[in-house]
């Protein structure tokens, strides 16, 4: 069974590499700009995506009533005595520890949004201005970054909701 799964995995990996190579070969400059924006903002959001993913795993185990692995949470929080904290407090501190990264990510995304809007709205001659400034490429980078921003927003919102749900079990039981 493991050999079959390994063969299937390698076939899928080869097909994905082939599809990516063909896609990049025949892509327009705007599509490549979108791919670059997506990849760049994925690098920028890596700490957030993995942080929210670990937090969501921790919170889902805690809401099911299981004892989650506290080692990742304690490492993320970096408090003197994190083992004395309740699960809800630990999750809240973990969520707060990700805030500086979230603010930096959204600041860079907002800057990209403003640059994109400036290139789209500055002159009424869109064809000439797009040729001079490359605004269609900037717009491609913006749309690629928007996919990552949507992922960051969704994971952050889910982590916030589960943290609040874990912190208020009395209201959860009455609802």
C-alpha atoms as a PDB file:
ATOM      1  CA  UNK A   1       0.000   0.000   0.000  1.00  0.00           C
ATOM      2  CA  UNK A   2       2.849   2.394   0.833  1.00  0.00           C
ATOM      3  CA  UNK A   3       4.488   1.713  -2.522  1.00  0.00           C
ATOM      4  CA  UNK A   4       1.229   2.503  -4.331  1.00  0.00           C
ATOM      5  CA  UNK A   5       0.832   5.750  -2.388  1.00  0.00           C
ATOM      6  CA  UNK A   6       4.445   6.690  -3.115  1.00  0.00           C
ATOM      7  CA  UNK A   7       3.936   6.061  -6.842  1.00  0.00           C
ATOM      8  CA  UNK A   8       0.733   8.131  -6.848  1.00  0.00           C
ATOM      9  CA  UNK A   9       2.519  10.917  -4.930  1.00  0.00           C
ATOM     10  CA  UNK A  10       5.395  11.045  -7.428  1.00  0.00           C
ATOM     11  CA  UNK A  11       3.014  10.996 -10.400  1.00  0.00           C
ATOM     12  CA  UNK A  12       1.058  13.915  -8.928  1.00  0.00           C
ATOM     13  CA  UNK A  13       4.272  15.786  -8.162  1.00  0.00           C
ATOM     14  CA  UNK A  14       5.534  15.325 -11.734  1.00  0.00           C
ATOM     15  CA  UNK A  15       2.163  16.435 -13.155  1.00  0.00           C
ATOM     16  CA  UNK A  16       2.158  19.501 -10.909  1.00  0.00           C
ATOM     17  CA  UNK A  17       5.705  20.451 -11.974  1.00  0.00           C
ATOM     18  CA  UNK A  18       4.798  19.935 -15.633  1.00  0.00           C
ATOM     19  CA  UNK A  19       1.627  22.015 -15.247  1.00  0.00           C
ATOM     20  CA  UNK A  20       3.533  24.790 -13.512  1.00  0.00           C
ATOM     21  CA  UNK A  21       6.204  24.806 -16.229  1.00  0.00           C
ATOM     22  CA  UNK A  22       3.611  24.928 -19.010  1.00  0.00           C
ATOM     23  CA  UNK A  23       1.608  27.562 -17.146  1.00  0.00           C
ATOM     24  CA  UNK A  24       4.620  29.819 -16.661  1.00  0.00           C
ATOM     25  CA  UNK A  25       5.714  29.337 -20.265  1.00  0.00           C
ATOM     26  CA  UNK A  26       2.384  30.461 -21.710  1.00  0.00           C
ATOM     27  CA  UNK A  27       1.450  33.013 -19.044  1.00  0.00           C
ATOM     28  CA  UNK A  28       0.897  36.667 -19.832  1.00  0.00           C
ATOM     29  CA  UNK A  29       2.968  39.257 -17.972  1.00  0.00           C
ATOM     30  CA  UNK A  30      -0.045  40.097 -15.783  1.00  0.00           C
ATOM     31  CA  UNK A  31      -0.456  36.450 -14.787  1.00  0.00           C
ATOM     32  CA  UNK A  32       3.233  36.207 -13.942  1.00  0.00           C
ATOM     33  CA  UNK A  33       2.926  39.421 -11.887  1.00  0.00           C
ATOM     34  CA  UNK A  34       0.001  37.836 -10.039  1.00  0.00           C
ATOM     35  CA  UNK A  35       2.098  34.741  -9.353  1.00  0.00           C
ATOM     36  CA  UNK A  36       4.971  36.903  -8.106  1.00  0.00           C
ATOM     37  CA  UNK A  37       2.599  38.888  -5.869  1.00  0.00           C
ATOM     38  CA  UNK A  38       1.148  35.679  -4.492  1.00  0.00           C
ATOM     39  CA  UNK A  39       4.572  34.161  -3.822  1.00  0.00           C
ATOM     40  CA  UNK A  40       5.955  37.351  -2.299  1.00  0.00           C
ATOM     41  CA  UNK A  41       3.056  37.849   0.045  1.00  0.00           C
ATOM     42  CA  UNK A  42       3.087  34.153   0.968  1.00  0.00           C
ATOM     43  CA  UNK A  43       6.663  34.679   2.129  1.00  0.00           C
ATOM     44  CA  UNK A  44       5.598  37.769   4.041  1.00  0.00           C
ATOM     45  CA  UNK A  45       2.646  35.970   5.623  1.00  0.00           C
ATOM     46  CA  UNK A  46       4.451  32.707   6.402  1.00  0.00           C
ATOM     47  CA  UNK A  47       4.764  33.416  10.130  1.00  0.00           C
ATOM     48  CA  UNK A  48       1.080  34.364  10.276  1.00  0.00           C
ATOM     49  CA  UNK A  49      -0.197  31.384   8.317  1.00  0.00           C
ATOM     50  CA  UNK A  50       1.797  28.842  10.310  1.00  0.00           C
ATOM     51  CA  UNK A  51       1.039  30.671  13.568  1.00  0.00           C
ATOM     52  CA  UNK A  52      -2.698  30.750  12.940  1.00  0.00           C
ATOM     53  CA  UNK A  53      -2.597  27.142  11.739  1.00  0.00           C
ATOM     54  CA  UNK A  54      -0.900  25.986  14.935  1.00  0.00           C
ATOM     55  CA  UNK A  55      -3.256  28.088  17.045  1.00  0.00           C
ATOM     56  CA  UNK A  56      -6.301  26.647  15.281  1.00  0.00           C
ATOM     57  CA  UNK A  57      -5.033  23.113  15.865  1.00  0.00           C
ATOM     58  CA  UNK A  58      -4.490  23.953  19.540  1.00  0.00           C
ATOM     59  CA  UNK A  59      -7.951  25.546  19.851  1.00  0.00           C
ATOM     60  CA  UNK A  60      -9.790  22.736  18.072  1.00  0.00           C
ATOM     61  CA  UNK A  61      -8.244  20.165  20.399  1.00  0.00           C
ATOM     62  CA  UNK A  62      -9.135  22.316  23.418  1.00  0.00           C
ATOM     63  CA  UNK A  63     -12.752  22.837  22.316  1.00  0.00           C
ATOM     64  CA  UNK A  64     -13.162  19.068  21.786  1.00  0.00           C
ATOM     65  CA  UNK A  65     -12.175  18.584  25.411  1.00  0.00           C
ATOM     66  CA  UNK A  66      -8.803  17.005  24.677  1.00  0.00           C
ATOM     67  CA  UNK A  67      -5.565  18.205  26.206  1.00  0.00           C
ATOM     68  CA  UNK A  68      -3.709  20.020  23.387  1.00  0.00           C
ATOM     69  CA  UNK A  69       0.057  20.062  23.005  1.00  0.00           C
ATOM     70  CA  UNK A  70       1.135  23.116  24.988  1.00  0.00           C
ATOM     71  CA  UNK A  71       4.745  23.155  23.763  1.00  0.00           C
ATOM     72  CA  UNK A  72       4.051  25.163  20.579  1.00  0.00           C
ATOM     73  CA  UNK A  73       1.835  27.594  22.448  1.00  0.00           C
ATOM     74  CA  UNK A  74       4.390  28.089  25.206  1.00  0.00           C
ATOM     75  CA  UNK A  75       7.132  28.658  22.637  1.00  0.00           C
ATOM     76  CA  UNK A  76       5.009  31.200  20.752  1.00  0.00           C
ATOM     77  CA  UNK A  77       3.967  33.126  23.855  1.00  0.00           C
ATOM     78  CA  UNK A  78       7.431  33.384  25.486  1.00  0.00           C
ATOM     79  CA  UNK A  79       6.222  34.209  29.006  1.00  0.00           C
ATOM     80  CA  UNK A  80       8.167  33.354  32.181  1.00  0.00           C
ATOM     81  CA  UNK A  81       5.729  30.688  33.463  1.00  0.00           C
ATOM     82  CA  UNK A  82       3.403  29.693  30.619  1.00  0.00           C
ATOM     83  CA  UNK A  83       2.588  26.310  32.170  1.00  0.00           C
ATOM     84  CA  UNK A  84       0.585  28.093  34.899  1.00  0.00           C
ATOM     85  CA  UNK A  85      -1.791  29.648  32.356  1.00  0.00           C
ATOM     86  CA  UNK A  86      -5.158  28.196  31.446  1.00  0.00           C
ATOM     87  CA  UNK A  87      -5.733  27.020  27.881  1.00  0.00           C
ATOM     88  CA  UNK A  88      -7.885  30.072  27.089  1.00  0.00           C
ATOM     89  CA  UNK A  89      -5.282  32.499  28.436  1.00  0.00           C
ATOM     90  CA  UNK A  90      -2.504  30.715  26.581  1.00  0.00           C
ATOM     91  CA  UNK A  91      -4.508  30.872  23.343  1.00  0.00           C
ATOM     92  CA  UNK A  92      -5.225  34.567  23.908  1.00  0.00           C
ATOM     93  CA  UNK A  93      -1.557  35.341  24.462  1.00  0.00           C
ATOM     94  CA  UNK A  94      -0.655  33.320  21.369  1.00  0.00           C
ATOM     95  CA  UNK A  95      -3.185  35.285  19.330  1.00  0.00           C
ATOM     96  CA  UNK A  96      -1.777  38.540  20.715  1.00  0.00           C
ATOM     97  CA  UNK A  97       1.779  37.435  19.880  1.00  0.00           C
ATOM     98  CA  UNK A  98       0.790  37.220  16.202  1.00  0.00           C
ATOM     99  CA  UNK A  99      -0.603  40.779  16.128  1.00  0.00           C
ATOM    100  CA  UNK A 100       2.648  42.606  15.209  1.00  0.00           C
ATOM    101  CA  UNK A 101       3.088  40.325  12.201  1.00  0.00           C
ATOM    102  CA  UNK A 102      -0.536  40.840  11.213  1.00  0.00           C
ATOM    103  CA  UNK A 103      -0.207  44.629  11.455  1.00  0.00           C
ATOM    104  CA  UNK A 104       2.985  44.609   9.379  1.00  0.00           C
ATOM    105  CA  UNK A 105       1.371  42.369   6.770  1.00  0.00           C
ATOM    106  CA  UNK A 106      -1.716  44.561   6.465  1.00  0.00           C
ATOM    107  CA  UNK A 107       0.426  47.729   6.340  1.00  0.00           C
ATOM    108  CA  UNK A 108       2.384  46.393   3.358  1.00  0.00           C
ATOM    109  CA  UNK A 109      -0.853  45.197   1.748  1.00  0.00           C
ATOM    110  CA  UNK A 110      -2.448  48.634   2.274  1.00  0.00           C
ATOM    111  CA  UNK A 111       0.608  50.284   0.716  1.00  0.00           C
ATOM    112  CA  UNK A 112       0.265  47.991  -2.307  1.00  0.00           C
ATOM    113  CA  UNK A 113      -3.455  48.839  -2.495  1.00  0.00           C
ATOM    114  CA  UNK A 114      -2.693  52.573  -2.471  1.00  0.00           C
ATOM    115  CA  UNK A 115      -0.043  52.191  -5.167  1.00  0.00           C
ATOM    116  CA  UNK A 116      -2.464  50.147  -7.278  1.00  0.00           C
ATOM    117  CA  UNK A 117      -5.231  52.710  -6.858  1.00  0.00           C
ATOM    118  CA  UNK A 118      -2.841  55.561  -7.632  1.00  0.00           C
ATOM    119  CA  UNK A 119      -1.777  53.957 -10.888  1.00  0.00           C
ATOM    120  CA  UNK A 120      -5.399  53.284 -11.846  1.00  0.00           C
ATOM    121  CA  UNK A 121      -6.871  56.680 -10.945  1.00  0.00           C
ATOM    122  CA  UNK A 122      -4.178  59.287 -11.549  1.00  0.00           C
ATOM    123  CA  UNK A 123      -4.594  59.966 -15.260  1.00  0.00           C
ATOM    124  CA  UNK A 124      -7.645  59.601 -17.476  1.00  0.00           C
ATOM    125  CA  UNK A 125      -5.455  58.111 -20.227  1.00  0.00           C
ATOM    126  CA  UNK A 126      -5.340  54.513 -19.001  1.00  0.00           C
ATOM    127  CA  UNK A 127      -3.612  52.954 -21.996  1.00  0.00           C
ATOM    128  CA  UNK A 128      -0.711  55.357 -22.111  1.00  0.00           C
ATOM    129  CA  UNK A 129      -0.387  55.529 -18.314  1.00  0.00           C
ATOM    130  CA  UNK A 130      -0.484  51.740 -18.038  1.00  0.00           C
ATOM    131  CA  UNK A 131       2.279  51.510 -20.605  1.00  0.00           C
ATOM    132  CA  UNK A 132       4.425  54.093 -18.793  1.00  0.00           C
ATOM    133  CA  UNK A 133       3.912  52.837 -15.229  1.00  0.00           C
ATOM    134  CA  UNK A 134       3.203  49.174 -15.748  1.00  0.00           C
ATOM    135  CA  UNK A 135      -0.025  49.523 -13.760  1.00  0.00           C
ATOM    136  CA  UNK A 136      -1.442  46.313 -15.193  1.00  0.00           C
ATOM    137  CA  UNK A 137       1.578  44.531 -13.707  1.00  0.00           C
ATOM    138  CA  UNK A 138       1.059  46.304 -10.394  1.00  0.00           C
ATOM    139  CA  UNK A 139      -2.579  45.255 -10.508  1.00  0.00           C
ATOM    140  CA  UNK A 140      -1.496  41.651 -11.104  1.00  0.00           C
ATOM    141  CA  UNK A 141       0.765  41.796  -8.046  1.00  0.00           C
ATOM    142  CA  UNK A 142      -2.141  43.268  -6.069  1.00  0.00           C
ATOM    143  CA  UNK A 143      -4.521  40.454  -7.010  1.00  0.00           C
ATOM    144  CA  UNK A 144      -1.924  37.830  -6.149  1.00  0.00           C
ATOM    145  CA  UNK A 145      -1.395  39.509  -2.773  1.00  0.00           C
ATOM    146  CA  UNK A 146      -5.153  39.697  -2.253  1.00  0.00           C
ATOM    147  CA  UNK A 147      -5.417  35.903  -2.282  1.00  0.00           C
ATOM    148  CA  UNK A 148      -2.893  35.703   0.557  1.00  0.00           C
ATOM    149  CA  UNK A 149      -4.582  38.569   2.431  1.00  0.00           C
ATOM    150  CA  UNK A 150      -7.868  36.669   2.252  1.00  0.00           C
ATOM    151  CA  UNK A 151      -6.185  33.574   3.707  1.00  0.00           C
ATOM    152  CA  UNK A 152      -4.616  35.600   6.534  1.00  0.00           C
ATOM    153  CA  UNK A 153      -7.901  37.313   7.300  1.00  0.00           C
ATOM    154  CA  UNK A 154      -9.882  34.047   7.314  1.00  0.00           C
ATOM    155  CA  UNK A 155      -7.410  32.198   9.548  1.00  0.00           C
ATOM    156  CA  UNK A 156      -7.157  35.173  11.912  1.00  0.00           C
ATOM    157  CA  UNK A 157     -10.933  35.469  12.170  1.00  0.00           C
ATOM    158  CA  UNK A 158     -11.342  31.742  12.803  1.00  0.00           C
ATOM    159  CA  UNK A 159      -8.633  31.815  15.493  1.00  0.00           C
ATOM    160  CA  UNK A 160     -10.261  34.825  17.166  1.00  0.00           C
ATOM    161  CA  UNK A 161     -13.685  33.179  17.189  1.00  0.00           C
ATOM    162  CA  UNK A 162     -12.364  29.921  18.628  1.00  0.00           C
ATOM    163  CA  UNK A 163     -10.336  31.798  21.261  1.00  0.00           C
ATOM    164  CA  UNK A 164     -13.433  33.666  22.404  1.00  0.00           C
ATOM    165  CA  UNK A 165     -15.450  30.447  22.355  1.00  0.00           C
ATOM    166  CA  UNK A 166     -12.813  28.731  24.501  1.00  0.00           C
ATOM    167  CA  UNK A 167     -12.629  31.689  26.903  1.00  0.00           C
ATOM    168  CA  UNK A 168     -16.400  31.813  27.521  1.00  0.00           C
ATOM    169  CA  UNK A 169     -17.568  28.231  28.158  1.00  0.00           C
ATOM    170  CA  UNK A 170     -20.527  29.323  30.336  1.00  0.00           C
ATOM    171  CA  UNK A 171     -22.117  31.272  27.507  1.00  0.00           C
ATOM    172  CA  UNK A 172     -21.362  28.467  25.084  1.00  0.00           C
ATOM    173  CA  UNK A 173     -23.191  25.917  27.237  1.00  0.00           C
ATOM    174  CA  UNK A 174     -26.293  28.115  27.545  1.00  0.00           C
ATOM    175  CA  UNK A 175     -26.479  28.880  23.814  1.00  0.00           C
END
